[in-house]
């Protein structure tokens, strides 16, 4: 079984990468939207991810549970853009993979933590 701390690190690294990719993605479209809309979108997509950081650092299974559901939103959006907009694959492919990494880390963490505690 994978150590819970490894899954916690995987989730945190993927979360940071997704946040950076989303910021790059939204700021790259700055010529297509008014500035106040870019910042509104940026805040709207980054705040849920930022709210998860303290719980992830503390290793709270509840945070991993709700973040696994939230990551599906990011995965679905990035996958849709990956398929529908081939010109922007340089941003949507990493976002898709990072959201998938968050989901996998969040789903496996509670089970791994339970097995680790049982062995101790």
PDB file of N, CA and C in Angstrom:
ATOM      1  N   UNK A   1       0.842  -1.187   0.000  1.00  0.00           N
ATOM      2  CA  UNK A   1       0.000   0.000   0.000  1.00  0.00           C
ATOM      3  C   UNK A   1       0.886   1.249   0.000  1.00  0.00           C
ATOM      4  N   UNK A   2       0.438   2.261  -0.683  1.00  0.00           N
ATOM      5  CA  UNK A   2       1.187   3.513  -0.765  1.00  0.00           C
ATOM      6  C   UNK A   2       1.071   4.250   0.570  1.00  0.00           C
ATOM      7  N   UNK A   3       2.153   4.833   1.025  1.00  0.00           N
ATOM      8  CA  UNK A   3       2.167   5.567   2.282  1.00  0.00           C
ATOM      9  C   UNK A   3       1.275   6.803   2.164  1.00  0.00           C
ATOM     10  N   UNK A   4       0.474   7.106   3.196  1.00  0.00           N
ATOM     11  CA  UNK A   4      -0.426   8.263   3.123  1.00  0.00           C
ATOM     12  C   UNK A   4       0.306   9.582   2.884  1.00  0.00           C
ATOM     13  N   UNK A   5       1.496   9.707   3.419  1.00  0.00           N
ATOM     14  CA  UNK A   5       2.238  10.951   3.242  1.00  0.00           C
ATOM     15  C   UNK A   5       2.624  11.161   1.772  1.00  0.00           C
ATOM     16  N   UNK A   6       2.900  10.080   1.062  1.00  0.00           N
ATOM     17  CA  UNK A   6       3.209  10.189  -0.370  1.00  0.00           C
ATOM     18  C   UNK A   6       1.993  10.663  -1.154  1.00  0.00           C
ATOM     19  N   UNK A   7       0.822  10.144  -0.803  1.00  0.00           N
ATOM     20  CA  UNK A   7      -0.408  10.573  -1.472  1.00  0.00           C
ATOM     21  C   UNK A   7      -0.746  12.019  -1.120  1.00  0.00           C
ATOM     22  N   UNK A   8      -0.452  12.403   0.118  1.00  0.00           N
ATOM     23  CA  UNK A   8      -0.672  13.787   0.534  1.00  0.00           C
ATOM     24  C   UNK A   8       0.225  14.721  -0.285  1.00  0.00           C
ATOM     25  N   UNK A   9       1.480  14.347  -0.446  1.00  0.00           N
ATOM     26  CA  UNK A   9       2.405  15.164  -1.250  1.00  0.00           C
ATOM     27  C   UNK A   9       1.976  15.223  -2.708  1.00  0.00           C
ATOM     28  N   UNK A  10       1.581  14.083  -3.262  1.00  0.00           N
ATOM     29  CA  UNK A  10       1.101  14.054  -4.641  1.00  0.00           C
ATOM     30  C   UNK A  10      -0.066  15.017  -4.828  1.00  0.00           C
ATOM     31  N   UNK A  11      -1.002  14.970  -3.909  1.00  0.00           N
ATOM     32  CA  UNK A  11      -2.179  15.837  -4.002  1.00  0.00           C
ATOM     33  C   UNK A  11      -1.781  17.297  -3.900  1.00  0.00           C
ATOM     34  N   UNK A  12      -0.893  17.638  -2.980  1.00  0.00           N
ATOM     35  CA  UNK A  12      -0.473  19.031  -2.825  1.00  0.00           C
ATOM     36  C   UNK A  12       0.308  19.536  -4.037  1.00  0.00           C
ATOM     37  N   UNK A  13       1.160  18.690  -4.597  1.00  0.00           N
ATOM     38  CA  UNK A  13       1.924  19.092  -5.784  1.00  0.00           C
ATOM     39  C   UNK A  13       0.986  19.295  -6.976  1.00  0.00           C
ATOM     40  N   UNK A  14       0.060  18.368  -7.167  1.00  0.00           N
ATOM     41  CA  UNK A  14      -0.903  18.507  -8.262  1.00  0.00           C
ATOM     42  C   UNK A  14      -1.809  19.717  -8.056  1.00  0.00           C
ATOM     43  N   UNK A  15      -2.158  19.995  -6.810  1.00  0.00           N
ATOM     44  CA  UNK A  15      -2.999  21.158  -6.515  1.00  0.00           C
ATOM     45  C   UNK A  15      -2.267  22.449  -6.858  1.00  0.00           C
ATOM     46  N   UNK A  16      -1.025  22.558  -6.456  1.00  0.00           N
ATOM     47  CA  UNK A  16      -0.236  23.745  -6.795  1.00  0.00           C
ATOM     48  C   UNK A  16      -0.047  23.887  -8.292  1.00  0.00           C
ATOM     49  N   UNK A  17       0.211  22.784  -8.966  1.00  0.00           N
ATOM     50  CA  UNK A  17       0.352  22.818 -10.413  1.00  0.00           C
ATOM     51  C   UNK A  17      -0.933  23.215 -11.116  1.00  0.00           C
ATOM     52  N   UNK A  18      -2.064  22.707 -10.619  1.00  0.00           N
ATOM     53  CA  UNK A  18      -3.349  23.067 -11.217  1.00  0.00           C
ATOM     54  C   UNK A  18      -3.649  24.544 -11.016  1.00  0.00           C
ATOM     55  N   UNK A  19      -3.341  25.052  -9.838  1.00  0.00           N
ATOM     56  CA  UNK A  19      -3.569  26.477  -9.588  1.00  0.00           C
ATOM     57  C   UNK A  19      -2.719  27.339 -10.515  1.00  0.00           C
ATOM     58  N   UNK A  20      -1.471  26.959 -10.708  1.00  0.00           N
ATOM     59  CA  UNK A  20      -0.592  27.721 -11.605  1.00  0.00           C
ATOM     60  C   UNK A  20      -1.061  27.607 -13.054  1.00  0.00           C
ATOM     61  N   UNK A  21      -1.472  26.417 -13.461  1.00  0.00           N
ATOM     62  CA  UNK A  21      -1.947  26.222 -14.828  1.00  0.00           C
ATOM     63  C   UNK A  21      -3.219  27.011 -15.097  1.00  0.00           C
ATOM     64  N   UNK A  22      -4.134  27.016 -14.134  1.00  0.00           N
ATOM     65  CA  UNK A  22      -5.373  27.778 -14.303  1.00  0.00           C
ATOM     66  C   UNK A  22      -5.091  29.275 -14.379  1.00  0.00           C
ATOM     67  N   UNK A  23      -4.159  29.753 -13.564  1.00  0.00           N
ATOM     68  CA  UNK A  23      -3.802  31.173 -13.619  1.00  0.00           C
ATOM     69  C   UNK A  23      -3.200  31.520 -14.974  1.00  0.00           C
ATOM     70  N   UNK A  24      -2.293  30.667 -15.474  1.00  0.00           N
ATOM     71  CA  UNK A  24      -1.692  30.881 -16.790  1.00  0.00           C
ATOM     72  C   UNK A  24      -2.760  30.865 -17.882  1.00  0.00           C
ATOM     73  N   UNK A  25      -3.670  29.927 -17.772  1.00  0.00           N
ATOM     74  CA  UNK A  25      -4.723  29.753 -18.751  1.00  0.00           C
ATOM     75  C   UNK A  25      -5.622  30.986 -18.808  1.00  0.00           C
ATOM     76  N   UNK A  26      -6.063  31.445 -17.640  1.00  0.00           N
ATOM     77  CA  UNK A  26      -6.963  32.605 -17.602  1.00  0.00           C
ATOM     78  C   UNK A  26      -6.255  33.895 -17.985  1.00  0.00           C
ATOM     79  N   UNK A  27      -5.036  34.064 -17.539  1.00  0.00           N
ATOM     80  CA  UNK A  27      -4.316  35.287 -17.888  1.00  0.00           C
ATOM     81  C   UNK A  27      -3.900  35.281 -19.364  1.00  0.00           C
ATOM     82  N   UNK A  28      -3.810  34.111 -19.954  1.00  0.00           N
ATOM     83  CA  UNK A  28      -3.512  34.017 -21.375  1.00  0.00           C
ATOM     84  C   UNK A  28      -4.661  34.485 -22.244  1.00  0.00           C
ATOM     85  N   UNK A  29      -5.872  34.408 -21.700  1.00  0.00           N
ATOM     86  CA  UNK A  29      -7.048  34.883 -22.425  1.00  0.00           C
ATOM     87  C   UNK A  29      -7.366  36.332 -22.103  1.00  0.00           C
ATOM     88  N   UNK A  30      -6.419  37.049 -21.544  1.00  0.00           N
ATOM     89  CA  UNK A  30      -6.688  38.409 -21.090  1.00  0.00           C
ATOM     90  C   UNK A  30      -7.125  39.345 -22.215  1.00  0.00           C
ATOM     91  N   UNK A  31      -6.737  39.054 -23.436  1.00  0.00           N
ATOM     92  CA  UNK A  31      -7.144  39.921 -24.541  1.00  0.00           C
ATOM     93  C   UNK A  31      -8.589  39.659 -24.965  1.00  0.00           C
ATOM     94  N   UNK A  32      -9.155  38.538 -24.539  1.00  0.00           N
ATOM     95  CA  UNK A  32     -10.513  38.185 -24.949  1.00  0.00           C
ATOM     96  C   UNK A  32     -11.594  38.661 -23.987  1.00  0.00           C
ATOM     97  N   UNK A  33     -11.214  39.015 -22.766  1.00  0.00           N
ATOM     98  CA  UNK A  33     -12.192  39.409 -21.749  1.00  0.00           C
ATOM     99  C   UNK A  33     -11.796  40.737 -21.126  1.00  0.00           C
ATOM    100  N   UNK A  34     -12.778  41.441 -20.572  1.00  0.00           N
ATOM    101  CA  UNK A  34     -12.422  42.641 -19.819  1.00  0.00           C
ATOM    102  C   UNK A  34     -11.644  42.263 -18.546  1.00  0.00           C
ATOM    103  N   UNK A  35     -10.759  43.153 -18.076  1.00  0.00           N
ATOM    104  CA  UNK A  35      -9.903  42.808 -16.924  1.00  0.00           C
ATOM    105  C   UNK A  35     -10.664  42.388 -15.671  1.00  0.00           C
ATOM    106  N   UNK A  36     -11.789  43.039 -15.375  1.00  0.00           N
ATOM    107  CA  UNK A  36     -12.519  42.660 -14.163  1.00  0.00           C
ATOM    108  C   UNK A  36     -13.098  41.245 -14.267  1.00  0.00           C
ATOM    109  N   UNK A  37     -13.419  40.803 -15.460  1.00  0.00           N
ATOM    110  CA  UNK A  37     -13.929  39.445 -15.630  1.00  0.00           C
ATOM    111  C   UNK A  37     -12.821  38.400 -15.464  1.00  0.00           C
ATOM    112  N   UNK A  38     -11.628  38.734 -15.909  1.00  0.00           N
ATOM    113  CA  UNK A  38     -10.506  37.803 -15.742  1.00  0.00           C
ATOM    114  C   UNK A  38     -10.244  37.568 -14.266  1.00  0.00           C
ATOM    115  N   UNK A  39     -10.203  38.658 -13.492  1.00  0.00           N
ATOM    116  CA  UNK A  39      -9.938  38.521 -12.063  1.00  0.00           C
ATOM    117  C   UNK A  39     -11.090  37.822 -11.348  1.00  0.00           C
ATOM    118  N   UNK A  40     -12.314  38.064 -11.788  1.00  0.00           N
ATOM    119  CA  UNK A  40     -13.457  37.369 -11.181  1.00  0.00           C
ATOM    120  C   UNK A  40     -13.376  35.864 -11.442  1.00  0.00           C
ATOM    121  N   UNK A  41     -13.047  35.478 -12.668  1.00  0.00           N
ATOM    122  CA  UNK A  41     -12.891  34.064 -12.992  1.00  0.00           C
ATOM    123  C   UNK A  41     -11.723  33.450 -12.223  1.00  0.00           C
ATOM    124  N   UNK A  42     -10.629  34.187 -12.151  1.00  0.00           N
ATOM    125  CA  UNK A  42      -9.450  33.683 -11.455  1.00  0.00           C
ATOM    126  C   UNK A  42      -9.751  33.438  -9.980  1.00  0.00           C
ATOM    127  N   UNK A  43     -10.418  34.381  -9.358  1.00  0.00           N
ATOM    128  CA  UNK A  43     -10.795  34.211  -7.948  1.00  0.00           C
ATOM    129  C   UNK A  43     -11.780  33.062  -7.798  1.00  0.00           C
ATOM    130  N   UNK A  44     -12.728  32.972  -8.717  1.00  0.00           N
ATOM    131  CA  UNK A  44     -13.748  31.928  -8.635  1.00  0.00           C
ATOM    132  C   UNK A  44     -13.201  30.513  -8.767  1.00  0.00           C
ATOM    133  N   UNK A  45     -12.171  30.333  -9.561  1.00  0.00           N
ATOM    134  CA  UNK A  45     -11.637  28.975  -9.731  1.00  0.00           C
ATOM    135  C   UNK A  45     -10.503  28.664  -8.743  1.00  0.00           C
ATOM    136  N   UNK A  46      -9.850  29.685  -8.225  1.00  0.00           N
ATOM    137  CA  UNK A  46      -8.717  29.451  -7.316  1.00  0.00           C
ATOM    138  C   UNK A  46      -9.144  29.334  -5.845  1.00  0.00           C
ATOM    139  N   UNK A  47     -10.182  30.044  -5.430  1.00  0.00           N
ATOM    140  CA  UNK A  47     -10.593  30.040  -4.015  1.00  0.00           C
ATOM    141  C   UNK A  47     -10.925  28.635  -3.507  1.00  0.00           C
ATOM    142  N   UNK A  48     -11.724  27.827  -4.228  1.00  0.00           N
ATOM    143  CA  UNK A  48     -11.981  26.475  -3.699  1.00  0.00           C
ATOM    144  C   UNK A  48     -10.706  25.656  -3.507  1.00  0.00           C
ATOM    145  N   UNK A  49      -9.746  25.846  -4.392  1.00  0.00           N
ATOM    146  CA  UNK A  49      -8.488  25.112  -4.253  1.00  0.00           C
ATOM    147  C   UNK A  49      -7.676  25.626  -3.069  1.00  0.00           C
ATOM    148  N   UNK A  50      -7.693  26.933  -2.878  1.00  0.00           N
ATOM    149  CA  UNK A  50      -6.977  27.509  -1.731  1.00  0.00           C
ATOM    150  C   UNK A  50      -7.595  27.086  -0.399  1.00  0.00           C
ATOM    151  N   UNK A  51      -8.911  26.949  -0.373  1.00  0.00           N
ATOM    152  CA  UNK A  51      -9.586  26.541   0.861  1.00  0.00           C
ATOM    153  C   UNK A  51      -9.207  25.118   1.279  1.00  0.00           C
ATOM    154  N   UNK A  52      -8.774  24.313   0.334  1.00  0.00           N
ATOM    155  CA  UNK A  52      -8.416  22.931   0.643  1.00  0.00           C
ATOM    156  C   UNK A  52      -7.021  22.793   1.238  1.00  0.00           C
ATOM    157  N   UNK A  53      -6.162  23.771   1.039  1.00  0.00           N
ATOM    158  CA  UNK A  53      -4.755  23.636   1.436  1.00  0.00           C
ATOM    159  C   UNK A  53      -4.572  23.359   2.937  1.00  0.00           C
ATOM    160  N   UNK A  54      -5.213  24.102   3.859  1.00  0.00           N
ATOM    161  CA  UNK A  54      -4.991  23.793   5.286  1.00  0.00           C
ATOM    162  C   UNK A  54      -5.408  22.371   5.663  1.00  0.00           C
ATOM    163  N   UNK A  55      -6.519  21.899   5.131  1.00  0.00           N
ATOM    164  CA  UNK A  55      -6.968  20.537   5.424  1.00  0.00           C
ATOM    165  C   UNK A  55      -6.055  19.477   4.831  1.00  0.00           C
ATOM    166  N   UNK A  56      -5.519  19.769   3.661  1.00  0.00           N
ATOM    167  CA  UNK A  56      -4.580  18.821   3.052  1.00  0.00           C
ATOM    168  C   UNK A  56      -3.288  18.748   3.847  1.00  0.00           C
ATOM    169  N   UNK A  57      -2.802  19.906   4.270  1.00  0.00           N
ATOM    170  CA  UNK A  57      -1.577  19.924   5.069  1.00  0.00           C
ATOM    171  C   UNK A  57      -1.754  19.204   6.405  1.00  0.00           C
ATOM    172  N   UNK A  58      -2.964  19.310   6.974  1.00  0.00           N
ATOM    173  CA  UNK A  58      -3.239  18.638   8.246  1.00  0.00           C
ATOM    174  C   UNK A  58      -3.568  17.162   8.059  1.00  0.00           C
ATOM    175  N   UNK A  59      -3.817  16.742   6.827  1.00  0.00           N
ATOM    176  CA  UNK A  59      -4.130  15.337   6.562  1.00  0.00           C
ATOM    177  C   UNK A  59      -5.534  14.942   6.967  1.00  0.00           C
ATOM    178  N   UNK A  60      -6.489  15.854   6.851  1.00  0.00           N
ATOM    179  CA  UNK A  60      -7.877  15.568   7.230  1.00  0.00           C
ATOM    180  C   UNK A  60      -8.585  14.801   6.109  1.00  0.00           C
ATOM    181  N   UNK A  61      -9.052  13.602   6.394  1.00  0.00           N
ATOM    182  CA  UNK A  61      -9.726  12.809   5.353  1.00  0.00           C
ATOM    183  C   UNK A  61     -10.954  13.506   4.766  1.00  0.00           C
ATOM    184  N   UNK A  62     -11.661  14.302   5.573  1.00  0.00           N
ATOM    185  CA  UNK A  62     -12.838  15.007   5.067  1.00  0.00           C
ATOM    186  C   UNK A  62     -12.460  15.967   3.947  1.00  0.00           C
ATOM    187  N   UNK A  63     -11.339  16.653   4.081  1.00  0.00           N
ATOM    188  CA  UNK A  63     -10.884  17.573   3.041  1.00  0.00           C
ATOM    189  C   UNK A  63     -10.555  16.810   1.764  1.00  0.00           C
ATOM    190  N   UNK A  64      -9.916  15.666   1.907  1.00  0.00           N
ATOM    191  CA  UNK A  64      -9.601  14.854   0.737  1.00  0.00           C
ATOM    192  C   UNK A  64     -10.887  14.378   0.061  1.00  0.00           C
ATOM    193  N   UNK A  65     -11.916  14.098   0.858  1.00  0.00           N
ATOM    194  CA  UNK A  65     -13.184  13.630   0.291  1.00  0.00           C
ATOM    195  C   UNK A  65     -13.854  14.706  -0.546  1.00  0.00           C
ATOM    196  N   UNK A  66     -13.992  15.921   0.002  1.00  0.00           N
ATOM    197  CA  UNK A  66     -14.689  16.944  -0.789  1.00  0.00           C
ATOM    198  C   UNK A  66     -13.828  17.457  -1.932  1.00  0.00           C
ATOM    199  N   UNK A  67     -12.512  17.436  -1.781  1.00  0.00           N
ATOM    200  CA  UNK A  67     -11.658  17.870  -2.878  1.00  0.00           C
ATOM    201  C   UNK A  67     -11.691  16.864  -4.033  1.00  0.00           C
ATOM    202  N   UNK A  68     -11.895  15.585  -3.719  1.00  0.00           N
ATOM    203  CA  UNK A  68     -12.006  14.600  -4.809  1.00  0.00           C
ATOM    204  C   UNK A  68     -13.225  14.906  -5.673  1.00  0.00           C
ATOM    205  N   UNK A  69     -14.306  15.346  -5.053  1.00  0.00           N
ATOM    206  CA  UNK A  69     -15.490  15.726  -5.832  1.00  0.00           C
ATOM    207  C   UNK A  69     -15.255  17.022  -6.597  1.00  0.00           C
ATOM    208  N   UNK A  70     -14.615  17.989  -5.965  1.00  0.00           N
ATOM    209  CA  UNK A  70     -14.350  19.264  -6.631  1.00  0.00           C
ATOM    210  C   UNK A  70     -13.385  19.093  -7.792  1.00  0.00           C
ATOM    211  N   UNK A  71     -12.445  18.169  -7.661  1.00  0.00           N
ATOM    212  CA  UNK A  71     -11.467  17.977  -8.737  1.00  0.00           C
ATOM    213  C   UNK A  71     -12.130  17.471 -10.014  1.00  0.00           C
ATOM    214  N   UNK A  72     -13.251  16.792  -9.881  1.00  0.00           N
ATOM    215  CA  UNK A  72     -13.962  16.322 -11.073  1.00  0.00           C
ATOM    216  C   UNK A  72     -14.499  17.485 -11.898  1.00  0.00           C
ATOM    217  N   UNK A  73     -14.862  18.576 -11.241  1.00  0.00           N
ATOM    218  CA  UNK A  73     -15.286  19.781 -11.940  1.00  0.00           C
ATOM    219  C   UNK A  73     -14.142  20.321 -12.796  1.00  0.00           C
ATOM    220  N   UNK A  74     -12.957  20.418 -12.213  1.00  0.00           N
ATOM    221  CA  UNK A  74     -11.795  20.921 -12.939  1.00  0.00           C
ATOM    222  C   UNK A  74     -11.386  19.937 -14.044  1.00  0.00           C
ATOM    223  N   UNK A  75     -11.457  18.649 -13.755  1.00  0.00           N
ATOM    224  CA  UNK A  75     -11.127  17.632 -14.747  1.00  0.00           C
ATOM    225  C   UNK A  75     -12.079  17.713 -15.939  1.00  0.00           C
ATOM    226  N   UNK A  76     -13.368  17.809 -15.656  1.00  0.00           N
ATOM    227  CA  UNK A  76     -14.359  17.884 -16.723  1.00  0.00           C
ATOM    228  C   UNK A  76     -14.195  19.127 -17.587  1.00  0.00           C
ATOM    229  N   UNK A  77     -13.947  20.261 -16.952  1.00  0.00           N
ATOM    230  CA  UNK A  77     -13.747  21.494 -17.706  1.00  0.00           C
ATOM    231  C   UNK A  77     -12.505  21.449 -18.576  1.00  0.00           C
ATOM    232  N   UNK A  78     -11.432  20.936 -18.027  1.00  0.00           N
ATOM    233  CA  UNK A  78     -10.180  20.857 -18.785  1.00  0.00           C
ATOM    234  C   UNK A  78     -10.278  19.823 -19.906  1.00  0.00           C
ATOM    235  N   UNK A  79     -10.932  18.697 -19.638  1.00  0.00           N
ATOM    236  CA  UNK A  79     -11.086  17.670 -20.660  1.00  0.00           C
ATOM    237  C   UNK A  79     -11.966  18.164 -21.804  1.00  0.00           C
ATOM    238  N   UNK A  80     -13.024  18.878 -21.466  1.00  0.00           N
ATOM    239  CA  UNK A  80     -13.889  19.445 -22.491  1.00  0.00           C
ATOM    240  C   UNK A  80     -13.113  20.412 -23.369  1.00  0.00           C
ATOM    241  N   UNK A  81     -12.313  21.261 -22.763  1.00  0.00           N
ATOM    242  CA  UNK A  81     -11.528  22.216 -23.544  1.00  0.00           C
ATOM    243  C   UNK A  81     -10.441  21.503 -24.345  1.00  0.00           C
ATOM    244  N   UNK A  82      -9.904  20.446 -23.794  1.00  0.00           N
ATOM    245  CA  UNK A  82      -8.890  19.669 -24.512  1.00  0.00           C
ATOM    246  C   UNK A  82      -9.455  19.100 -25.813  1.00  0.00           C
ATOM    247  N   UNK A  83     -10.680  18.620 -25.755  1.00  0.00           N
ATOM    248  CA  UNK A  83     -11.313  18.026 -26.930  1.00  0.00           C
ATOM    249  C   UNK A  83     -11.847  19.103 -27.879  1.00  0.00           C
ATOM    250  N   UNK A  84     -12.465  20.136 -27.322  1.00  0.00           N
ATOM    251  CA  UNK A  84     -13.153  21.122 -28.155  1.00  0.00           C
ATOM    252  C   UNK A  84     -12.241  22.201 -28.719  1.00  0.00           C
ATOM    253  N   UNK A  85     -11.109  22.449 -28.092  1.00  0.00           N
ATOM    254  CA  UNK A  85     -10.258  23.563 -28.496  1.00  0.00           C
ATOM    255  C   UNK A  85      -8.813  23.086 -28.674  1.00  0.00           C
ATOM    256  N   UNK A  86      -8.511  22.482 -29.790  1.00  0.00           N
ATOM    257  CA  UNK A  86      -7.153  21.943 -29.995  1.00  0.00           C
ATOM    258  C   UNK A  86      -6.053  22.995 -29.943  1.00  0.00           C
ATOM    259  N   UNK A  87      -6.376  24.244 -30.214  1.00  0.00           N
ATOM    260  CA  UNK A  87      -5.350  25.288 -30.207  1.00  0.00           C
ATOM    261  C   UNK A  87      -4.838  25.586 -28.803  1.00  0.00           C
ATOM    262  N   UNK A  88      -5.608  25.273 -27.802  1.00  0.00           N
ATOM    263  CA  UNK A  88      -5.221  25.557 -26.415  1.00  0.00           C
ATOM    264  C   UNK A  88      -4.791  24.307 -25.654  1.00  0.00           C
ATOM    265  N   UNK A  89      -4.358  23.291 -26.349  1.00  0.00           N
ATOM    266  CA  UNK A  89      -3.952  22.045 -25.687  1.00  0.00           C
ATOM    267  C   UNK A  89      -2.767  22.228 -24.759  1.00  0.00           C
ATOM    268  N   UNK A  90      -1.943  23.231 -25.009  1.00  0.00           N
ATOM    269  CA  UNK A  90      -0.778  23.460 -24.158  1.00  0.00           C
ATOM    270  C   UNK A  90      -1.185  23.822 -22.730  1.00  0.00           C
ATOM    271  N   UNK A  91      -2.397  24.307 -22.529  1.00  0.00           N
ATOM    272  CA  UNK A  91      -2.875  24.630 -21.183  1.00  0.00           C
ATOM    273  C   UNK A  91      -3.868  23.597 -20.674  1.00  0.00           C
ATOM    274  N   UNK A  92      -4.709  23.071 -21.545  1.00  0.00           N
ATOM    275  CA  UNK A  92      -5.749  22.163 -21.075  1.00  0.00           C
ATOM    276  C   UNK A  92      -5.237  20.746 -20.788  1.00  0.00           C
ATOM    277  N   UNK A  93      -4.211  20.297 -21.486  1.00  0.00           N
ATOM    278  CA  UNK A  93      -3.674  18.961 -21.205  1.00  0.00           C
ATOM    279  C   UNK A  93      -3.038  18.881 -19.811  1.00  0.00           C
ATOM    280  N   UNK A  94      -2.168  19.831 -19.427  1.00  0.00           N
ATOM    281  CA  UNK A  94      -1.643  19.765 -18.054  1.00  0.00           C
ATOM    282  C   UNK A  94      -2.738  19.907 -16.994  1.00  0.00           C
ATOM    283  N   UNK A  95      -3.721  20.756 -17.256  1.00  0.00           N
ATOM    284  CA  UNK A  95      -4.812  20.917 -16.283  1.00  0.00           C
ATOM    285  C   UNK A  95      -5.598  19.623 -16.135  1.00  0.00           C
ATOM    286  N   UNK A  96      -5.825  18.925 -17.235  1.00  0.00           N
ATOM    287  CA  UNK A  96      -6.536  17.645 -17.179  1.00  0.00           C
ATOM    288  C   UNK A  96      -5.749  16.627 -16.362  1.00  0.00           C
ATOM    289  N   UNK A  97      -4.465  16.514 -16.625  1.00  0.00           N
ATOM    290  CA  UNK A  97      -3.635  15.539 -15.912  1.00  0.00           C
ATOM    291  C   UNK A  97      -3.474  15.885 -14.438  1.00  0.00           C
ATOM    292  N   UNK A  98      -3.336  17.168 -14.128  1.00  0.00           N
ATOM    293  CA  UNK A  98      -3.189  17.580 -12.732  1.00  0.00           C
ATOM    294  C   UNK A  98      -4.482  17.363 -11.945  1.00  0.00           C
ATOM    295  N   UNK A  99      -5.621  17.650 -12.558  1.00  0.00           N
ATOM    296  CA  UNK A  99      -6.904  17.401 -11.890  1.00  0.00           C
ATOM    297  C   UNK A  99      -7.099  15.905 -11.660  1.00  0.00           C
ATOM    298  N   UNK A 100      -6.673  15.096 -12.612  1.00  0.00           N
ATOM    299  CA  UNK A 100      -6.740  13.644 -12.446  1.00  0.00           C
ATOM    300  C   UNK A 100      -5.811  13.187 -11.316  1.00  0.00           C
ATOM    301  N   UNK A 101      -4.632  13.793 -11.217  1.00  0.00           N
ATOM    302  CA  UNK A 101      -3.717  13.476 -10.120  1.00  0.00           C
ATOM    303  C   UNK A 101      -4.299  13.825  -8.763  1.00  0.00           C
ATOM    304  N   UNK A 102      -4.988  14.969  -8.685  1.00  0.00           N
ATOM    305  CA  UNK A 102      -5.652  15.356  -7.431  1.00  0.00           C
ATOM    306  C   UNK A 102      -6.719  14.331  -7.077  1.00  0.00           C
ATOM    307  N   UNK A 103      -7.511  13.949  -8.051  1.00  0.00           N
ATOM    308  CA  UNK A 103      -8.578  12.977  -7.805  1.00  0.00           C
ATOM    309  C   UNK A 103      -8.018  11.649  -7.301  1.00  0.00           C
ATOM    310  N   UNK A 104      -6.999  11.141  -7.967  1.00  0.00           N
ATOM    311  CA  UNK A 104      -6.416   9.859  -7.571  1.00  0.00           C
ATOM    312  C   UNK A 104      -5.822   9.948  -6.161  1.00  0.00           C
ATOM    313  N   UNK A 105      -5.088  11.029  -5.887  1.00  0.00           N
ATOM    314  CA  UNK A 105      -4.516  11.202  -4.555  1.00  0.00           C
ATOM    315  C   UNK A 105      -5.574  11.301  -3.474  1.00  0.00           C
ATOM    316  N   UNK A 106      -6.640  12.018  -3.769  1.00  0.00           N
ATOM    317  CA  UNK A 106      -7.713  12.201  -2.780  1.00  0.00           C
ATOM    318  C   UNK A 106      -8.509  10.927  -2.541  1.00  0.00           C
ATOM    319  N   UNK A 107      -8.702  10.130  -3.573  1.00  0.00           N
ATOM    320  CA  UNK A 107      -9.471   8.897  -3.423  1.00  0.00           C
ATOM    321  C   UNK A 107      -8.664   7.840  -2.661  1.00  0.00           C
ATOM    322  N   UNK A 108      -7.373   7.767  -2.944  1.00  0.00           N
ATOM    323  CA  UNK A 108      -6.550   6.736  -2.308  1.00  0.00           C
ATOM    324  C   UNK A 108      -6.091   7.098  -0.899  1.00  0.00           C
ATOM    325  N   UNK A 109      -6.049   8.388  -0.553  1.00  0.00           N
ATOM    326  CA  UNK A 109      -5.520   8.802   0.745  1.00  0.00           C
ATOM    327  C   UNK A 109      -6.274   8.206   1.934  1.00  0.00           C
ATOM    328  N   UNK A 110      -7.614   8.323   2.027  1.00  0.00           N
ATOM    329  CA  UNK A 110      -8.287   7.786   3.222  1.00  0.00           C
ATOM    330  C   UNK A 110      -8.089   6.296   3.422  1.00  0.00           C
ATOM    331  N   UNK A 111      -8.117   5.535   2.324  1.00  0.00           N
ATOM    332  CA  UNK A 111      -7.915   4.088   2.427  1.00  0.00           C
ATOM    333  C   UNK A 111      -6.494   3.778   2.891  1.00  0.00           C
ATOM    334  N   UNK A 112      -5.539   4.507   2.346  1.00  0.00           N
ATOM    335  CA  UNK A 112      -4.144   4.313   2.731  1.00  0.00           C
ATOM    336  C   UNK A 112      -3.917   4.709   4.192  1.00  0.00           C
ATOM    337  N   UNK A 113      -4.547   5.793   4.614  1.00  0.00           N
ATOM    338  CA  UNK A 113      -4.414   6.246   6.000  1.00  0.00           C
ATOM    339  C   UNK A 113      -5.002   5.226   6.964  1.00  0.00           C
ATOM    340  N   UNK A 114      -6.142   4.667   6.613  1.00  0.00           N
ATOM    341  CA  UNK A 114      -6.771   3.651   7.464  1.00  0.00           C
ATOM    342  C   UNK A 114      -5.879   2.411   7.579  1.00  0.00           C
ATOM    343  N   UNK A 115      -5.319   1.967   6.462  1.00  0.00           N
ATOM    344  CA  UNK A 115      -4.426   0.792   6.492  1.00  0.00           C
ATOM    345  C   UNK A 115      -3.151   1.094   7.284  1.00  0.00           C
ATOM    346  N   UNK A 116      -2.627   2.290   7.149  1.00  0.00           N
ATOM    347  CA  UNK A 116      -1.409   2.681   7.876  1.00  0.00           C
ATOM    348  C   UNK A 116      -1.667   2.710   9.380  1.00  0.00           C
ATOM    349  N   UNK A 117      -2.809   3.253   9.787  1.00  0.00           N
ATOM    350  CA  UNK A 117      -3.158   3.303  11.222  1.00  0.00           C
ATOM    351  C   UNK A 117      -3.408   1.914  11.780  1.00  0.00           C
ATOM    352  N   UNK A 118      -3.964   1.027  10.981  1.00  0.00           N
ATOM    353  CA  UNK A 118      -4.240  -0.338  11.439  1.00  0.00           C
ATOM    354  C   UNK A 118      -2.951  -1.106  11.674  1.00  0.00           C
ATOM    355  N   UNK A 119      -1.922  -0.847  10.823  1.00  0.00           N
ATOM    356  CA  UNK A 119      -0.634  -1.528  10.974  1.00  0.00           C
ATOM    357  C   UNK A 119       0.128  -1.044  12.197  1.00  0.00           C
ATOM    358  N   UNK A 120      -0.080   0.177  12.592  1.00  0.00           N
ATOM    359  CA  UNK A 120       0.651   0.745  13.730  1.00  0.00           C
ATOM    360  C   UNK A 120       0.011   0.252  14.965  1.00  0.00           C
TER     361      UNK A 120
END
